[in-house]
N, C-alpha and C. Protein backbone atom coordinates (compact mmCIF):
# COMPACT_ATOMS: atom_id res chain seq x y z
N MET A 1 141.84 -1.35 148.73
CA MET A 1 140.62 -1.84 148.10
C MET A 1 139.72 -2.47 149.16
N ASN A 2 138.42 -2.33 148.91
CA ASN A 2 137.42 -3.00 149.74
C ASN A 2 136.87 -4.18 148.95
N THR A 3 136.56 -5.26 149.62
CA THR A 3 136.07 -6.46 148.97
C THR A 3 134.57 -6.59 149.17
N ILE A 4 133.86 -6.82 148.07
CA ILE A 4 132.43 -7.10 148.09
C ILE A 4 132.29 -8.56 147.70
N GLU A 5 131.67 -9.35 148.58
CA GLU A 5 131.54 -10.78 148.33
C GLU A 5 130.09 -11.21 148.47
N ILE A 6 129.63 -12.00 147.49
CA ILE A 6 128.30 -12.60 147.54
C ILE A 6 128.52 -14.11 147.37
N PRO A 7 128.72 -14.81 148.50
CA PRO A 7 129.09 -16.23 148.43
C PRO A 7 128.04 -17.12 147.78
N ALA A 8 126.78 -16.76 147.88
CA ALA A 8 125.71 -17.62 147.35
C ALA A 8 125.85 -17.85 145.85
N ILE A 9 126.42 -16.88 145.14
CA ILE A 9 126.58 -17.04 143.70
C ILE A 9 128.05 -16.96 143.27
N GLY A 10 128.94 -16.96 144.24
CA GLY A 10 130.37 -17.00 143.94
C GLY A 10 130.96 -15.72 143.37
N VAL A 11 130.44 -14.57 143.78
CA VAL A 11 130.97 -13.29 143.29
C VAL A 11 131.82 -12.66 144.37
N CYS A 12 133.03 -12.27 144.02
CA CYS A 12 133.93 -11.57 144.93
C CYS A 12 134.70 -10.54 144.11
N ARG A 13 134.45 -9.26 144.39
CA ARG A 13 135.09 -8.19 143.64
C ARG A 13 135.63 -7.14 144.59
N GLU A 14 136.60 -6.39 144.13
CA GLU A 14 137.18 -5.31 144.93
C GLU A 14 136.75 -3.97 144.34
N ILE A 15 136.45 -3.01 145.23
CA ILE A 15 136.16 -1.65 144.79
C ILE A 15 137.19 -0.74 145.46
N PRO A 16 137.56 0.35 144.81
CA PRO A 16 138.59 1.23 145.35
C PRO A 16 138.15 1.91 146.64
N SER A 17 139.10 2.10 147.54
CA SER A 17 138.82 2.79 148.80
C SER A 17 139.47 4.17 148.84
N LYS A 18 140.27 4.48 147.81
CA LYS A 18 140.89 5.80 147.73
C LYS A 18 141.16 6.14 146.26
N TRP A 19 141.43 7.42 146.03
CA TRP A 19 141.61 7.92 144.67
C TRP A 19 142.66 7.14 143.89
N SER A 20 143.77 6.83 144.53
CA SER A 20 144.88 6.19 143.81
C SER A 20 144.55 4.77 143.34
N GLU A 21 143.49 4.18 143.87
CA GLU A 21 143.10 2.83 143.45
C GLU A 21 142.06 2.82 142.33
N MET A 22 141.56 4.01 141.97
CA MET A 22 140.54 4.09 140.92
C MET A 22 141.16 4.00 139.54
N THR A 23 140.38 3.44 138.62
CA THR A 23 140.78 3.48 137.22
C THR A 23 140.55 4.91 136.72
N PRO A 24 141.14 5.28 135.60
CA PRO A 24 140.89 6.63 135.06
C PRO A 24 139.40 6.90 134.83
N GLU A 25 138.66 5.90 134.36
CA GLU A 25 137.23 6.08 134.12
C GLU A 25 136.46 6.29 135.43
N GLN A 26 136.79 5.52 136.46
CA GLN A 26 136.13 5.68 137.77
C GLN A 26 136.43 7.07 138.33
N ALA A 27 137.66 7.51 138.21
CA ALA A 27 138.04 8.84 138.71
C ALA A 27 137.31 9.94 137.94
N ARG A 28 137.17 9.78 136.62
CA ARG A 28 136.48 10.77 135.81
C ARG A 28 135.02 10.90 136.21
N VAL A 29 134.34 9.77 136.37
CA VAL A 29 132.93 9.79 136.76
C VAL A 29 132.78 10.39 138.15
N THR A 30 133.65 10.03 139.07
CA THR A 30 133.58 10.55 140.43
C THR A 30 133.83 12.05 140.45
N MET A 31 134.79 12.53 139.66
CA MET A 31 135.06 13.96 139.61
C MET A 31 133.89 14.73 139.01
N ARG A 32 133.22 14.14 137.99
CA ARG A 32 132.05 14.78 137.40
C ARG A 32 130.94 14.91 138.44
N LEU A 33 130.74 13.85 139.22
CA LEU A 33 129.72 13.89 140.28
C LEU A 33 130.10 14.88 141.38
N LEU A 34 131.38 14.96 141.69
CA LEU A 34 131.84 15.92 142.69
C LEU A 34 131.58 17.35 142.20
N TRP A 35 131.84 17.58 140.92
CA TRP A 35 131.57 18.90 140.34
C TRP A 35 130.08 19.23 140.45
N ASP A 36 129.23 18.25 140.13
CA ASP A 36 127.78 18.46 140.23
C ASP A 36 127.36 18.79 141.66
N MET A 37 127.96 18.12 142.63
CA MET A 37 127.64 18.38 144.03
C MET A 37 128.11 19.78 144.44
N GLU A 38 129.33 20.12 144.08
CA GLU A 38 129.87 21.42 144.44
C GLU A 38 129.10 22.56 143.75
N SER A 39 128.52 22.27 142.59
CA SER A 39 127.73 23.27 141.86
C SER A 39 126.30 23.37 142.38
N GLY A 40 125.93 22.49 143.29
CA GLY A 40 124.59 22.50 143.85
C GLY A 40 123.57 21.75 143.03
N LEU A 41 124.02 21.00 142.01
CA LEU A 41 123.09 20.25 141.17
C LEU A 41 122.60 18.97 141.85
N ILE A 42 123.43 18.38 142.71
CA ILE A 42 123.02 17.21 143.48
C ILE A 42 123.43 17.41 144.93
N SER A 43 122.76 16.72 145.82
CA SER A 43 123.06 16.83 147.25
C SER A 43 124.26 15.95 147.60
N PRO A 44 124.88 16.17 148.76
CA PRO A 44 125.97 15.28 149.19
C PRO A 44 125.52 13.82 149.30
N LEU A 45 124.29 13.61 149.76
CA LEU A 45 123.78 12.24 149.85
C LEU A 45 123.68 11.61 148.47
N GLU A 46 123.14 12.35 147.50
CA GLU A 46 123.03 11.82 146.14
C GLU A 46 124.42 11.55 145.55
N PHE A 47 125.38 12.42 145.86
CA PHE A 47 126.76 12.20 145.39
C PHE A 47 127.27 10.84 145.89
N HIS A 48 127.11 10.58 147.18
CA HIS A 48 127.62 9.32 147.75
C HIS A 48 126.90 8.11 147.15
N VAL A 49 125.60 8.21 147.00
CA VAL A 49 124.83 7.10 146.44
C VAL A 49 125.25 6.83 145.00
N ARG A 50 125.41 7.89 144.21
CA ARG A 50 125.77 7.71 142.80
C ARG A 50 127.19 7.16 142.64
N VAL A 51 128.12 7.61 143.47
CA VAL A 51 129.49 7.07 143.40
C VAL A 51 129.48 5.59 143.77
N LEU A 52 128.80 5.23 144.85
CA LEU A 52 128.73 3.83 145.24
C LEU A 52 128.06 3.00 144.15
N HIS A 53 127.00 3.51 143.56
CA HIS A 53 126.33 2.80 142.47
C HIS A 53 127.28 2.57 141.31
N ASP A 54 128.02 3.60 140.93
CA ASP A 54 128.96 3.48 139.81
C ASP A 54 130.04 2.43 140.11
N LEU A 55 130.55 2.44 141.33
CA LEU A 55 131.61 1.49 141.69
C LEU A 55 131.09 0.06 141.78
N LEU A 56 129.82 -0.09 142.16
CA LEU A 56 129.25 -1.43 142.30
C LEU A 56 128.57 -1.93 141.03
N LEU A 57 128.47 -1.09 140.02
CA LEU A 57 127.74 -1.44 138.82
C LEU A 57 128.24 -2.74 138.19
N HIS A 58 129.54 -2.92 138.09
CA HIS A 58 130.05 -4.16 137.48
C HIS A 58 129.73 -5.37 138.35
N VAL A 59 129.68 -5.21 139.67
CA VAL A 59 129.30 -6.31 140.55
C VAL A 59 127.84 -6.67 140.32
N LEU A 60 126.98 -5.66 140.19
CA LEU A 60 125.56 -5.90 139.96
C LEU A 60 125.34 -6.61 138.62
N GLU A 61 126.13 -6.26 137.61
CA GLU A 61 126.01 -6.92 136.32
C GLU A 61 126.41 -8.40 136.41
N LEU A 62 127.46 -8.69 137.18
CA LEU A 62 127.87 -10.08 137.37
C LEU A 62 126.79 -10.88 138.09
N VAL A 63 126.19 -10.28 139.10
CA VAL A 63 125.12 -10.95 139.83
C VAL A 63 123.96 -11.26 138.89
N ARG A 64 123.57 -10.30 138.09
CA ARG A 64 122.48 -10.50 137.13
C ARG A 64 122.79 -11.63 136.16
N LEU A 65 124.02 -11.66 135.66
CA LEU A 65 124.41 -12.73 134.71
C LEU A 65 124.41 -14.10 135.36
N ARG A 66 124.88 -14.18 136.59
CA ARG A 66 124.95 -15.48 137.28
C ARG A 66 123.58 -15.99 137.69
N LEU A 67 122.62 -15.09 137.88
CA LEU A 67 121.28 -15.51 138.27
C LEU A 67 120.44 -15.95 137.09
N GLN A 68 120.89 -15.67 135.87
CA GLN A 68 120.12 -16.07 134.68
C GLN A 68 120.31 -17.52 134.37
């Protein structure tokens, strides 16, 4: 796992660094995006950005809640 930390608001979360660390939902979303990339629907860059966004989404939601 990789650790994402935002000390200013006290957020520290881990995101998976390999397939075996993903939850079933994370793996499903990643596989769907991989299929889209392999089918030519999205570029490799968009694949990487979308996977990172999906993995960081819960961290972004925590940041938003703590800033309110």
